[in-house]
């Protein structure tokens, strides 16, 4: 039996089927709640249950380390009764805005020994509608999907640029090297909740690990195209210099943004001692370079352990929990579309 879900103090309600997550039911009904990984890892979808009872989907945990005792993960919860939700934020969306395209490979370049820059083009006359920081899903022949962030800004809407790390045994990443111009892929978009407000002017710190640079690049290129002026710091972490595979993009931001600061963080190998290069992990770089984060926003993108470490470092530096925005790269099949 479906349960009725409503949002506290709002004219918004939807049905949730047995075994369906609160997040997926909301998205299907056109209610956009904050989310990213949809696997119970990132903590972006935390919120409260103002009334009613929930249970974990298939016995899954309904909380992780990012939750306070009053919060649950909407992506891991299914209702055990009618509910009233108290989300961190929500907006209405048009569920029909999500589209499926047959995209054609325009180019496929090796940007680093283990990273491909895959440029896709949509059919002539079609455009992708997405926001900076969102991602698409590639639909594979076996019915599974893989998620990749847009590295291009929304203004470049005739295709998608993806940064794909080669993962040993990866179902899709193992095929990337063989993709050639003219090959086609089925893609669906957009996915992902963008937490950054367009009218925000406070200083912002981006922390990226490896190919977590892709959504950061989309956001920063979008800010630049919209001529947004706000103090920006980018901490980009990798094992060595080869992992910082797109320095020309960073150089462009440094040239055109007076308030832009770049801190490369290298966890292995000697630092090159040029500029603000930091020898260590990105969470250590955040503590060292940004000791006071009160009044800031932090946007972090990378692996679950990296994001957890950066979240803890940001909190120690005085960042309000609501000002930490995370996009967690969780390997393997993506959650089924809502």
C-alpha atoms as a PDB file:
ATOM      1  CA  UNK A   1       0.000   0.000   0.000  1.00  0.00           C
ATOM      2  CA  UNK A   2       1.316   3.434  -0.934  1.00  0.00           C
ATOM      3  CA  UNK A   3       1.710   6.049   1.763  1.00  0.00           C
ATOM      4  CA  UNK A   4       1.001   9.756   1.472  1.00  0.00           C
ATOM      5  CA  UNK A   5       3.990  12.040   1.976  1.00  0.00           C
ATOM      6  CA  UNK A   6       3.739  15.778   2.579  1.00  0.00           C
ATOM      7  CA  UNK A   7       6.226  18.556   3.254  1.00  0.00           C
ATOM      8  CA  UNK A   8       5.817  20.461   6.487  1.00  0.00           C
ATOM      9  CA  UNK A   9       4.198  23.905   6.181  1.00  0.00           C
ATOM     10  CA  UNK A  10       3.932  23.612   2.383  1.00  0.00           C
ATOM     11  CA  UNK A  11       1.307  22.783  -0.217  1.00  0.00           C
ATOM     12  CA  UNK A  12       3.258  19.799  -1.523  1.00  0.00           C
ATOM     13  CA  UNK A  13       2.353  16.128  -1.272  1.00  0.00           C
ATOM     14  CA  UNK A  14       3.061  12.906  -3.149  1.00  0.00           C
ATOM     15  CA  UNK A  15       2.594   9.143  -2.898  1.00  0.00           C
ATOM     16  CA  UNK A  16       5.409   6.724  -2.092  1.00  0.00           C
ATOM     17  CA  UNK A  17       5.075   3.066  -3.090  1.00  0.00           C
ATOM     18  CA  UNK A  18       6.237   0.204  -0.843  1.00  0.00           C
ATOM     19  CA  UNK A  19      10.005  -0.194  -1.049  1.00  0.00           C
ATOM     20  CA  UNK A  20      10.434   3.103  -2.925  1.00  0.00           C
ATOM     21  CA  UNK A  21      12.769   5.674  -1.426  1.00  0.00           C
ATOM     22  CA  UNK A  22      11.388   8.995  -0.248  1.00  0.00           C
ATOM     23  CA  UNK A  23      13.851  10.730  -2.556  1.00  0.00           C
ATOM     24  CA  UNK A  24      12.833   8.821  -5.695  1.00  0.00           C
ATOM     25  CA  UNK A  25       9.128   9.286  -4.947  1.00  0.00           C
ATOM     26  CA  UNK A  26       9.624  13.020  -4.484  1.00  0.00           C
ATOM     27  CA  UNK A  27      11.642  13.400  -7.701  1.00  0.00           C
ATOM     28  CA  UNK A  28       9.068  11.420  -9.682  1.00  0.00           C
ATOM     29  CA  UNK A  29       6.382  13.775  -8.383  1.00  0.00           C
ATOM     30  CA  UNK A  30       8.322  16.893  -9.381  1.00  0.00           C
ATOM     31  CA  UNK A  31       9.592  17.706  -5.876  1.00  0.00           C
ATOM     32  CA  UNK A  32      13.324  18.383  -6.041  1.00  0.00           C
ATOM     33  CA  UNK A  33      15.089  17.550  -2.780  1.00  0.00           C
ATOM     34  CA  UNK A  34      18.864  17.931  -2.351  1.00  0.00           C
ATOM     35  CA  UNK A  35      20.736  14.791  -3.454  1.00  0.00           C
ATOM     36  CA  UNK A  36      23.856  13.539  -5.180  1.00  0.00           C
ATOM     37  CA  UNK A  37      24.925   9.877  -5.031  1.00  0.00           C
ATOM     38  CA  UNK A  38      21.538   8.280  -4.183  1.00  0.00           C
ATOM     39  CA  UNK A  39      23.417   5.417  -2.500  1.00  0.00           C
ATOM     40  CA  UNK A  40      23.455   6.551   1.123  1.00  0.00           C
ATOM     41  CA  UNK A  41      27.041   7.779   1.002  1.00  0.00           C
ATOM     42  CA  UNK A  42      27.251  11.515   0.367  1.00  0.00           C
ATOM     43  CA  UNK A  43      24.729  12.808   2.902  1.00  0.00           C
ATOM     44  CA  UNK A  44      23.343  15.439   0.534  1.00  0.00           C
ATOM     45  CA  UNK A  45      19.753  14.218   0.999  1.00  0.00           C
ATOM     46  CA  UNK A  46      19.627  14.468   4.790  1.00  0.00           C
ATOM     47  CA  UNK A  47      16.416  15.779   6.293  1.00  0.00           C
ATOM     48  CA  UNK A  48      14.048  15.247   9.185  1.00  0.00           C
ATOM     49  CA  UNK A  49      10.834  13.277   9.630  1.00  0.00           C
ATOM     50  CA  UNK A  50       8.405  15.687  11.283  1.00  0.00           C
ATOM     51  CA  UNK A  51       5.690  13.042  11.666  1.00  0.00           C
ATOM     52  CA  UNK A  52       5.380   9.335  10.889  1.00  0.00           C
ATOM     53  CA  UNK A  53       7.704   6.352  10.730  1.00  0.00           C
ATOM     54  CA  UNK A  54      10.279   5.207   8.177  1.00  0.00           C
ATOM     55  CA  UNK A  55      12.388   2.100   7.673  1.00  0.00           C
ATOM     56  CA  UNK A  56      15.534   1.380   5.705  1.00  0.00           C
ATOM     57  CA  UNK A  57      15.128   0.009   2.190  1.00  0.00           C
ATOM     58  CA  UNK A  58      15.935  -3.714   2.357  1.00  0.00           C
ATOM     59  CA  UNK A  59      17.200  -3.199   5.882  1.00  0.00           C
ATOM     60  CA  UNK A  60      19.701  -0.483   4.893  1.00  0.00           C
ATOM     61  CA  UNK A  61      20.948   2.038   7.439  1.00  0.00           C
ATOM     62  CA  UNK A  62      18.908   5.237   7.346  1.00  0.00           C
ATOM     63  CA  UNK A  63      21.726   7.418   8.741  1.00  0.00           C
ATOM     64  CA  UNK A  64      25.433   7.930   8.142  1.00  0.00           C
ATOM     65  CA  UNK A  65      28.117  10.086   9.754  1.00  0.00           C
ATOM     66  CA  UNK A  66      26.794  13.235   8.063  1.00  0.00           C
ATOM     67  CA  UNK A  67      23.433  12.965   9.877  1.00  0.00           C
ATOM     68  CA  UNK A  68      22.526  14.494  13.205  1.00  0.00           C
ATOM     69  CA  UNK A  69      20.404  12.284  15.490  1.00  0.00           C
ATOM     70  CA  UNK A  70      17.282  14.004  14.161  1.00  0.00           C
ATOM     71  CA  UNK A  71      18.130  13.465  10.490  1.00  0.00           C
ATOM     72  CA  UNK A  72      17.783  10.559   8.080  1.00  0.00           C
ATOM     73  CA  UNK A  73      18.894   9.871   4.517  1.00  0.00           C
ATOM     74  CA  UNK A  74      15.857  10.283   2.276  1.00  0.00           C
ATOM     75  CA  UNK A  75      17.488   8.097  -0.389  1.00  0.00           C
ATOM     76  CA  UNK A  76      17.668   5.149   2.037  1.00  0.00           C
ATOM     77  CA  UNK A  77      14.237   5.525   3.675  1.00  0.00           C
ATOM     78  CA  UNK A  78      10.879   4.073   2.689  1.00  0.00           C
ATOM     79  CA  UNK A  79       7.717   4.965   4.626  1.00  0.00           C
ATOM     80  CA  UNK A  80       6.147   2.695   7.226  1.00  0.00           C
ATOM     81  CA  UNK A  81       3.230   5.142   7.562  1.00  0.00           C
ATOM     82  CA  UNK A  82       2.040   8.418   6.118  1.00  0.00           C
ATOM     83  CA  UNK A  83       4.756  11.024   6.643  1.00  0.00           C
ATOM     84  CA  UNK A  84       5.458  14.714   7.034  1.00  0.00           C
ATOM     85  CA  UNK A  85       8.974  15.650   5.878  1.00  0.00           C
ATOM     86  CA  UNK A  86      11.116  18.540   7.079  1.00  0.00           C
ATOM     87  CA  UNK A  87      13.785  18.771   4.333  1.00  0.00           C
ATOM     88  CA  UNK A  88      16.772  21.116   4.333  1.00  0.00           C
ATOM     89  CA  UNK A  89      15.334  22.692   1.166  1.00  0.00           C
ATOM     90  CA  UNK A  90      13.087  21.814  -1.763  1.00  0.00           C
ATOM     91  CA  UNK A  91      11.798  23.201  -5.035  1.00  0.00           C
ATOM     92  CA  UNK A  92       9.318  22.147  -7.690  1.00  0.00           C
ATOM     93  CA  UNK A  93      10.681  20.717 -10.939  1.00  0.00           C
ATOM     94  CA  UNK A  94       9.239  19.516 -14.223  1.00  0.00           C
ATOM     95  CA  UNK A  95       9.765  15.715 -14.326  1.00  0.00           C
ATOM     96  CA  UNK A  96       9.479  15.827 -18.128  1.00  0.00           C
ATOM     97  CA  UNK A  97      12.659  17.960 -18.266  1.00  0.00           C
ATOM     98  CA  UNK A  98      14.755  14.778 -18.083  1.00  0.00           C
ATOM     99  CA  UNK A  99      15.579  13.638 -21.624  1.00  0.00           C
ATOM    100  CA  UNK A 100      17.262  10.697 -23.342  1.00  0.00           C
ATOM    101  CA  UNK A 101      19.547  11.320 -26.324  1.00  0.00           C
ATOM    102  CA  UNK A 102      21.642   9.318 -28.724  1.00  0.00           C
ATOM    103  CA  UNK A 103      24.943  11.164 -28.431  1.00  0.00           C
ATOM    104  CA  UNK A 104      27.823  10.818 -30.867  1.00  0.00           C
ATOM    105  CA  UNK A 105      31.486  10.762 -29.856  1.00  0.00           C
ATOM    106  CA  UNK A 106      33.135  13.927 -31.161  1.00  0.00           C
ATOM    107  CA  UNK A 107      36.596  13.298 -29.717  1.00  0.00           C
ATOM    108  CA  UNK A 108      38.315  11.076 -27.184  1.00  0.00           C
ATOM    109  CA  UNK A 109      41.618  12.288 -25.764  1.00  0.00           C
ATOM    110  CA  UNK A 110      43.896  10.959 -23.039  1.00  0.00           C
ATOM    111  CA  UNK A 111      44.385  13.837 -20.604  1.00  0.00           C
ATOM    112  CA  UNK A 112      46.402  11.788 -18.106  1.00  0.00           C
ATOM    113  CA  UNK A 113      47.634   8.197 -18.045  1.00  0.00           C
ATOM    114  CA  UNK A 114      44.351   7.134 -16.439  1.00  0.00           C
ATOM    115  CA  UNK A 115      41.894   9.875 -17.473  1.00  0.00           C
ATOM    116  CA  UNK A 116      40.015  10.275 -20.759  1.00  0.00           C
ATOM    117  CA  UNK A 117      38.344  13.500 -21.897  1.00  0.00           C
ATOM    118  CA  UNK A 118      35.311  12.290 -23.822  1.00  0.00           C
ATOM    119  CA  UNK A 119      33.462  14.921 -25.872  1.00  0.00           C
ATOM    120  CA  UNK A 120      29.924  14.019 -26.966  1.00  0.00           C
ATOM    121  CA  UNK A 121      27.654  15.835 -29.399  1.00  0.00           C
ATOM    122  CA  UNK A 122      23.851  15.707 -29.431  1.00  0.00           C
ATOM    123  CA  UNK A 123      21.833  15.275 -32.644  1.00  0.00           C
ATOM    124  CA  UNK A 124      21.733  18.413 -34.780  1.00  0.00           C
ATOM    125  CA  UNK A 125      19.376  21.044 -33.379  1.00  0.00           C
ATOM    126  CA  UNK A 126      18.992  19.425 -29.954  1.00  0.00           C
ATOM    127  CA  UNK A 127      20.215  20.941 -26.723  1.00  0.00           C
ATOM    128  CA  UNK A 128      20.942  19.586 -23.250  1.00  0.00           C
ATOM    129  CA  UNK A 129      19.275  21.546 -20.439  1.00  0.00           C
ATOM    130  CA  UNK A 130      21.268  21.205 -17.222  1.00  0.00           C
ATOM    131  CA  UNK A 131      22.775  23.250 -14.432  1.00  0.00           C
ATOM    132  CA  UNK A 132      26.443  23.551 -13.647  1.00  0.00           C
ATOM    133  CA  UNK A 133      27.400  20.740 -11.286  1.00  0.00           C
ATOM    134  CA  UNK A 134      24.797  18.258 -12.538  1.00  0.00           C
ATOM    135  CA  UNK A 135      25.537  14.908 -14.175  1.00  0.00           C
ATOM    136  CA  UNK A 136      24.244  12.565 -16.869  1.00  0.00           C
ATOM    137  CA  UNK A 137      23.832   8.826 -16.984  1.00  0.00           C
ATOM    138  CA  UNK A 138      25.188   6.593 -19.736  1.00  0.00           C
ATOM    139  CA  UNK A 139      22.798   3.736 -20.482  1.00  0.00           C
ATOM    140  CA  UNK A 140      24.697   0.480 -21.100  1.00  0.00           C
ATOM    141  CA  UNK A 141      23.629  -2.525 -23.164  1.00  0.00           C
ATOM    142  CA  UNK A 142      23.005  -4.683 -20.078  1.00  0.00           C
ATOM    143  CA  UNK A 143      20.493  -2.163 -18.712  1.00  0.00           C
ATOM    144  CA  UNK A 144      22.847  -0.704 -16.092  1.00  0.00           C
ATOM    145  CA  UNK A 145      23.932   2.919 -16.023  1.00  0.00           C
ATOM    146  CA  UNK A 146      27.035   4.915 -15.121  1.00  0.00           C
ATOM    147  CA  UNK A 147      27.028   8.509 -13.912  1.00  0.00           C
ATOM    148  CA  UNK A 148      29.448  11.219 -15.070  1.00  0.00           C
ATOM    149  CA  UNK A 149      29.431  14.930 -14.289  1.00  0.00           C
ATOM    150  CA  UNK A 150      29.289  17.577 -16.984  1.00  0.00           C
ATOM    151  CA  UNK A 151      32.660  19.310 -17.256  1.00  0.00           C
ATOM    152  CA  UNK A 152      31.254  21.887 -19.703  1.00  0.00           C
ATOM    153  CA  UNK A 153      29.076  24.804 -18.549  1.00  0.00           C
ATOM    154  CA  UNK A 154      25.335  24.980 -19.366  1.00  0.00           C
ATOM    155  CA  UNK A 155      26.006  27.633 -22.000  1.00  0.00           C
ATOM    156  CA  UNK A 156      27.693  24.927 -24.111  1.00  0.00           C
ATOM    157  CA  UNK A 157      24.522  22.877 -24.496  1.00  0.00           C
ATOM    158  CA  UNK A 158      25.035  21.045 -27.789  1.00  0.00           C
ATOM    159  CA  UNK A 159      26.840  18.188 -26.073  1.00  0.00           C
ATOM    160  CA  UNK A 160      28.727  17.030 -23.023  1.00  0.00           C
ATOM    161  CA  UNK A 161      32.359  16.842 -21.972  1.00  0.00           C
ATOM    162  CA  UNK A 162      33.107  14.023 -19.523  1.00  0.00           C
ATOM    163  CA  UNK A 163      36.246  13.308 -17.502  1.00  0.00           C
ATOM    164  CA  UNK A 164      36.415   9.525 -17.126  1.00  0.00           C
ATOM    165  CA  UNK A 165      38.933   7.793 -14.912  1.00  0.00           C
ATOM    166  CA  UNK A 166      39.998   4.332 -16.045  1.00  0.00           C
ATOM    167  CA  UNK A 167      38.959   1.892 -13.326  1.00  0.00           C
ATOM    168  CA  UNK A 168      40.391  -1.628 -13.425  1.00  0.00           C
ATOM    169  CA  UNK A 169      37.546  -3.979 -14.303  1.00  0.00           C
ATOM    170  CA  UNK A 170      35.122  -1.098 -14.793  1.00  0.00           C
ATOM    171  CA  UNK A 171      32.137  -2.048 -16.949  1.00  0.00           C
ATOM    172  CA  UNK A 172      32.216   1.214 -18.932  1.00  0.00           C
ATOM    173  CA  UNK A 173      35.554   2.857 -18.184  1.00  0.00           C
ATOM    174  CA  UNK A 174      37.343  -0.205 -19.604  1.00  0.00           C
ATOM    175  CA  UNK A 175      35.651   0.528 -22.957  1.00  0.00           C
ATOM    176  CA  UNK A 176      36.410   4.232 -23.072  1.00  0.00           C
ATOM    177  CA  UNK A 177      39.812   3.904 -24.729  1.00  0.00           C
ATOM    178  CA  UNK A 178      38.198   2.112 -27.688  1.00  0.00           C
ATOM    179  CA  UNK A 179      35.538   4.770 -28.329  1.00  0.00           C
ATOM    180  CA  UNK A 180      36.194   6.617 -31.590  1.00  0.00           C
ATOM    181  CA  UNK A 181      34.633   9.656 -33.298  1.00  0.00           C
ATOM    182  CA  UNK A 182      31.279   8.643 -34.734  1.00  0.00           C
ATOM    183  CA  UNK A 183      30.489   5.993 -32.111  1.00  0.00           C
ATOM    184  CA  UNK A 184      27.191   6.518 -30.304  1.00  0.00           C
ATOM    185  CA  UNK A 185      26.082   6.324 -26.678  1.00  0.00           C
ATOM    186  CA  UNK A 186      22.652   6.532 -25.060  1.00  0.00           C
ATOM    187  CA  UNK A 187      22.590   9.198 -22.376  1.00  0.00           C
ATOM    188  CA  UNK A 188      19.928  10.530 -20.020  1.00  0.00           C
ATOM    189  CA  UNK A 189      20.016  13.919 -18.285  1.00  0.00           C
ATOM    190  CA  UNK A 190      20.021  15.868 -16.108  1.00  0.00           C
ATOM    191  CA  UNK A 191      20.547  14.375 -12.654  1.00  0.00           C
ATOM    192  CA  UNK A 192      21.811  15.885  -9.430  1.00  0.00           C
ATOM    193  CA  UNK A 193      20.739  18.646  -7.111  1.00  0.00           C
ATOM    194  CA  UNK A 194      22.731  21.840  -7.440  1.00  0.00           C
ATOM    195  CA  UNK A 195      23.021  23.434  -4.007  1.00  0.00           C
ATOM    196  CA  UNK A 196      24.882  26.598  -5.029  1.00  0.00           C
ATOM    197  CA  UNK A 197      22.694  29.689  -5.198  1.00  0.00           C
ATOM    198  CA  UNK A 198      23.160  31.894  -8.245  1.00  0.00           C
ATOM    199  CA  UNK A 199      22.798  35.086  -6.208  1.00  0.00           C
ATOM    200  CA  UNK A 200      25.359  34.067  -3.562  1.00  0.00           C
ATOM    201  CA  UNK A 201      28.366  36.390  -3.116  1.00  0.00           C
ATOM    202  CA  UNK A 202      30.199  34.896  -0.133  1.00  0.00           C
ATOM    203  CA  UNK A 203      33.677  33.414  -0.603  1.00  0.00           C
ATOM    204  CA  UNK A 204      33.597  29.834  -1.867  1.00  0.00           C
ATOM    205  CA  UNK A 205      36.162  27.059  -1.628  1.00  0.00           C
ATOM    206  CA  UNK A 206      36.096  24.201  -4.131  1.00  0.00           C
ATOM    207  CA  UNK A 207      37.851  20.989  -3.083  1.00  0.00           C
ATOM    208  CA  UNK A 208      38.269  18.371  -5.818  1.00  0.00           C
ATOM    209  CA  UNK A 209      39.966  15.018  -5.883  1.00  0.00           C
ATOM    210  CA  UNK A 210      41.089  13.658  -9.260  1.00  0.00           C
ATOM    211  CA  UNK A 211      38.216  13.701 -11.762  1.00  0.00           C
ATOM    212  CA  UNK A 212      36.106  15.422  -9.135  1.00  0.00           C
ATOM    213  CA  UNK A 213      37.526  18.411 -10.993  1.00  0.00           C
ATOM    214  CA  UNK A 214      34.889  17.894 -13.757  1.00  0.00           C
ATOM    215  CA  UNK A 215      31.807  19.379 -12.018  1.00  0.00           C
ATOM    216  CA  UNK A 216      34.002  22.077 -10.461  1.00  0.00           C
ATOM    217  CA  UNK A 217      35.118  23.082 -13.942  1.00  0.00           C
ATOM    218  CA  UNK A 218      31.488  23.279 -15.091  1.00  0.00           C
ATOM    219  CA  UNK A 219      30.575  25.506 -12.151  1.00  0.00           C
ATOM    220  CA  UNK A 220      33.594  27.790 -12.465  1.00  0.00           C
ATOM    221  CA  UNK A 221      33.199  28.193 -16.231  1.00  0.00           C
ATOM    222  CA  UNK A 222      29.533  29.019 -15.650  1.00  0.00           C
ATOM    223  CA  UNK A 223      30.408  31.614 -12.998  1.00  0.00           C
ATOM    224  CA  UNK A 224      32.950  33.158 -15.351  1.00  0.00           C
ATOM    225  CA  UNK A 225      30.539  33.293 -18.292  1.00  0.00           C
ATOM    226  CA  UNK A 226      27.944  34.957 -16.066  1.00  0.00           C
ATOM    227  CA  UNK A 227      30.618  37.387 -14.833  1.00  0.00           C
ATOM    228  CA  UNK A 228      30.001  36.508 -11.208  1.00  0.00           C
ATOM    229  CA  UNK A 229      32.485  38.206  -8.916  1.00  0.00           C
ATOM    230  CA  UNK A 230      33.149  36.401  -5.639  1.00  0.00           C
ATOM    231  CA  UNK A 231      36.347  35.234  -3.944  1.00  0.00           C
ATOM    232  CA  UNK A 232      37.115  31.691  -5.135  1.00  0.00           C
ATOM    233  CA  UNK A 233      39.666  29.161  -3.893  1.00  0.00           C
ATOM    234  CA  UNK A 234      40.248  25.857  -5.686  1.00  0.00           C
ATOM    235  CA  UNK A 235      42.077  23.016  -3.925  1.00  0.00           C
ATOM    236  CA  UNK A 236      42.659  20.214  -6.445  1.00  0.00           C
ATOM    237  CA  UNK A 237      44.224  17.034  -5.135  1.00  0.00           C
ATOM    238  CA  UNK A 238      46.064  14.236  -6.909  1.00  0.00           C
ATOM    239  CA  UNK A 239      48.855  11.759  -6.223  1.00  0.00           C
ATOM    240  CA  UNK A 240      51.306  13.634  -8.460  1.00  0.00           C
ATOM    241  CA  UNK A 241      51.470  16.386 -11.070  1.00  0.00           C
ATOM    242  CA  UNK A 242      50.095  14.118 -13.831  1.00  0.00           C
ATOM    243  CA  UNK A 243      46.820  13.911 -11.918  1.00  0.00           C
ATOM    244  CA  UNK A 244      46.258  17.656 -12.352  1.00  0.00           C
ATOM    245  CA  UNK A 245      45.420  17.018 -15.972  1.00  0.00           C
ATOM    246  CA  UNK A 246      43.842  20.281 -17.099  1.00  0.00           C
ATOM    247  CA  UNK A 247      46.095  23.098 -15.970  1.00  0.00           C
ATOM    248  CA  UNK A 248      45.184  25.369 -18.934  1.00  0.00           C
ATOM    249  CA  UNK A 249      41.653  25.729 -17.535  1.00  0.00           C
ATOM    250  CA  UNK A 250      43.069  26.761 -14.178  1.00  0.00           C
ATOM    251  CA  UNK A 251      45.452  29.232 -15.865  1.00  0.00           C
ATOM    252  CA  UNK A 252      42.492  30.835 -17.641  1.00  0.00           C
ATOM    253  CA  UNK A 253      40.630  31.373 -14.352  1.00  0.00           C
ATOM    254  CA  UNK A 254      43.764  32.799 -12.746  1.00  0.00           C
ATOM    255  CA  UNK A 255      44.115  35.276 -15.596  1.00  0.00           C
ATOM    256  CA  UNK A 256      40.495  36.419 -15.718  1.00  0.00           C
ATOM    257  CA  UNK A 257      39.585  36.283 -11.995  1.00  0.00           C
ATOM    258  CA  UNK A 258      41.530  38.610  -9.691  1.00  0.00           C
ATOM    259  CA  UNK A 259      40.155  36.877  -6.579  1.00  0.00           C
ATOM    260  CA  UNK A 260      40.900  33.322  -7.778  1.00  0.00           C
ATOM    261  CA  UNK A 261      43.344  31.233  -5.738  1.00  0.00           C
ATOM    262  CA  UNK A 262      44.596  27.808  -6.810  1.00  0.00           C
ATOM    263  CA  UNK A 263      46.149  25.305  -4.409  1.00  0.00           C
ATOM    264  CA  UNK A 264      47.368  22.048  -5.993  1.00  0.00           C
ATOM    265  CA  UNK A 265      47.648  19.331  -3.341  1.00  0.00           C
ATOM    266  CA  UNK A 266      49.934  16.372  -4.068  1.00  0.00           C
ATOM    267  CA  UNK A 267      49.644  13.389  -1.738  1.00  0.00           C
ATOM    268  CA  UNK A 268      52.602  11.476  -3.206  1.00  0.00           C
ATOM    269  CA  UNK A 269      55.901  12.471  -4.759  1.00  0.00           C
ATOM    270  CA  UNK A 270      57.790  15.697  -4.112  1.00  0.00           C
ATOM    271  CA  UNK A 271      55.949  18.965  -4.431  1.00  0.00           C
ATOM    272  CA  UNK A 272      57.216  21.187  -7.219  1.00  0.00           C
ATOM    273  CA  UNK A 273      57.470  24.121  -4.794  1.00  0.00           C
ATOM    274  CA  UNK A 274      55.868  26.417  -7.335  1.00  0.00           C
ATOM    275  CA  UNK A 275      53.249  28.908  -6.143  1.00  0.00           C
ATOM    276  CA  UNK A 276      50.922  27.499  -3.504  1.00  0.00           C
ATOM    277  CA  UNK A 277      51.615  23.779  -4.125  1.00  0.00           C
ATOM    278  CA  UNK A 278      50.795  21.795  -0.989  1.00  0.00           C
ATOM    279  CA  UNK A 279      52.441  18.470  -0.148  1.00  0.00           C
ATOM    280  CA  UNK A 280      49.646  16.372   1.356  1.00  0.00           C
ATOM    281  CA  UNK A 281      45.969  15.489   1.126  1.00  0.00           C
ATOM    282  CA  UNK A 282      43.240  17.960   0.230  1.00  0.00           C
ATOM    283  CA  UNK A 283      41.751  17.939   3.743  1.00  0.00           C
ATOM    284  CA  UNK A 284      45.166  18.845   5.112  1.00  0.00           C
ATOM    285  CA  UNK A 285      45.474  21.580   2.498  1.00  0.00           C
ATOM    286  CA  UNK A 286      42.067  22.943   3.496  1.00  0.00           C
ATOM    287  CA  UNK A 287      43.098  23.171   7.144  1.00  0.00           C
ATOM    288  CA  UNK A 288      46.374  24.861   6.260  1.00  0.00           C
ATOM    289  CA  UNK A 289      45.125  27.282   3.607  1.00  0.00           C
ATOM    290  CA  UNK A 290      41.654  28.085   4.957  1.00  0.00           C
ATOM    291  CA  UNK A 291      41.875  28.075   8.774  1.00  0.00           C
ATOM    292  CA  UNK A 292      38.728  30.199   9.156  1.00  0.00           C
ATOM    293  CA  UNK A 293      35.759  29.162   6.999  1.00  0.00           C
ATOM    294  CA  UNK A 294      33.065  31.065   8.867  1.00  0.00           C
ATOM    295  CA  UNK A 295      30.986  32.966   6.335  1.00  0.00           C
ATOM    296  CA  UNK A 296      32.161  30.728   3.463  1.00  0.00           C
ATOM    297  CA  UNK A 297      30.710  27.992   1.291  1.00  0.00           C
ATOM    298  CA  UNK A 298      32.567  24.771   0.485  1.00  0.00           C
ATOM    299  CA  UNK A 299      31.825  22.578  -2.515  1.00  0.00           C
ATOM    300  CA  UNK A 300      33.601  19.211  -2.381  1.00  0.00           C
ATOM    301  CA  UNK A 301      33.739  16.513  -5.043  1.00  0.00           C
ATOM    302  CA  UNK A 302      35.574  13.201  -4.925  1.00  0.00           C
ATOM    303  CA  UNK A 303      35.604   9.758  -3.329  1.00  0.00           C
ATOM    304  CA  UNK A 304      33.565   9.015  -0.170  1.00  0.00           C
ATOM    305  CA  UNK A 305      36.610   8.927   2.167  1.00  0.00           C
ATOM    306  CA  UNK A 306      37.939  12.172   0.710  1.00  0.00           C
ATOM    307  CA  UNK A 307      34.616  13.972   1.081  1.00  0.00           C
ATOM    308  CA  UNK A 308      34.242  12.727   4.659  1.00  0.00           C
ATOM    309  CA  UNK A 309      37.734  13.983   5.538  1.00  0.00           C
ATOM    310  CA  UNK A 310      37.098  17.379   3.942  1.00  0.00           C
ATOM    311  CA  UNK A 311      33.728  17.688   5.688  1.00  0.00           C
ATOM    312  CA  UNK A 312      35.427  17.120   9.056  1.00  0.00           C
ATOM    313  CA  UNK A 313      38.206  19.599   8.240  1.00  0.00           C
ATOM    314  CA  UNK A 314      35.709  22.234   7.147  1.00  0.00           C
ATOM    315  CA  UNK A 315      33.703  21.846  10.347  1.00  0.00           C
ATOM    316  CA  UNK A 316      36.884  22.249  12.407  1.00  0.00           C
ATOM    317  CA  UNK A 317      37.549  25.489  10.521  1.00  0.00           C
ATOM    318  CA  UNK A 318      34.177  26.923  11.486  1.00  0.00           C
ATOM    319  CA  UNK A 319      32.068  26.140   8.400  1.00  0.00           C
ATOM    320  CA  UNK A 320      28.331  25.896   9.032  1.00  0.00           C
ATOM    321  CA  UNK A 321      27.048  22.424   8.131  1.00  0.00           C
ATOM    322  CA  UNK A 322      24.450  23.893   5.751  1.00  0.00           C
ATOM    323  CA  UNK A 323      27.268  25.550   3.762  1.00  0.00           C
ATOM    324  CA  UNK A 324      29.024  22.270   2.926  1.00  0.00           C
ATOM    325  CA  UNK A 325      27.920  20.936  -0.473  1.00  0.00           C
ATOM    326  CA  UNK A 326      29.154  17.524  -1.571  1.00  0.00           C
ATOM    327  CA  UNK A 327      29.168  15.546  -4.802  1.00  0.00           C
ATOM    328  CA  UNK A 328      30.429  12.059  -3.986  1.00  0.00           C
ATOM    329  CA  UNK A 329      31.840   9.857  -6.736  1.00  0.00           C
ATOM    330  CA  UNK A 330      30.667   6.343  -5.884  1.00  0.00           C
ATOM    331  CA  UNK A 331      31.955   3.688  -8.326  1.00  0.00           C
ATOM    332  CA  UNK A 332      29.764   1.052  -9.912  1.00  0.00           C
ATOM    333  CA  UNK A 333      26.206   1.054 -11.279  1.00  0.00           C
ATOM    334  CA  UNK A 334      24.169   4.161 -10.627  1.00  0.00           C
ATOM    335  CA  UNK A 335      20.907   4.078  -8.730  1.00  0.00           C
ATOM    336  CA  UNK A 336      17.872   3.505 -10.958  1.00  0.00           C
ATOM    337  CA  UNK A 337      16.399   6.749 -12.301  1.00  0.00           C
ATOM    338  CA  UNK A 338      13.528   8.175 -10.307  1.00  0.00           C
END
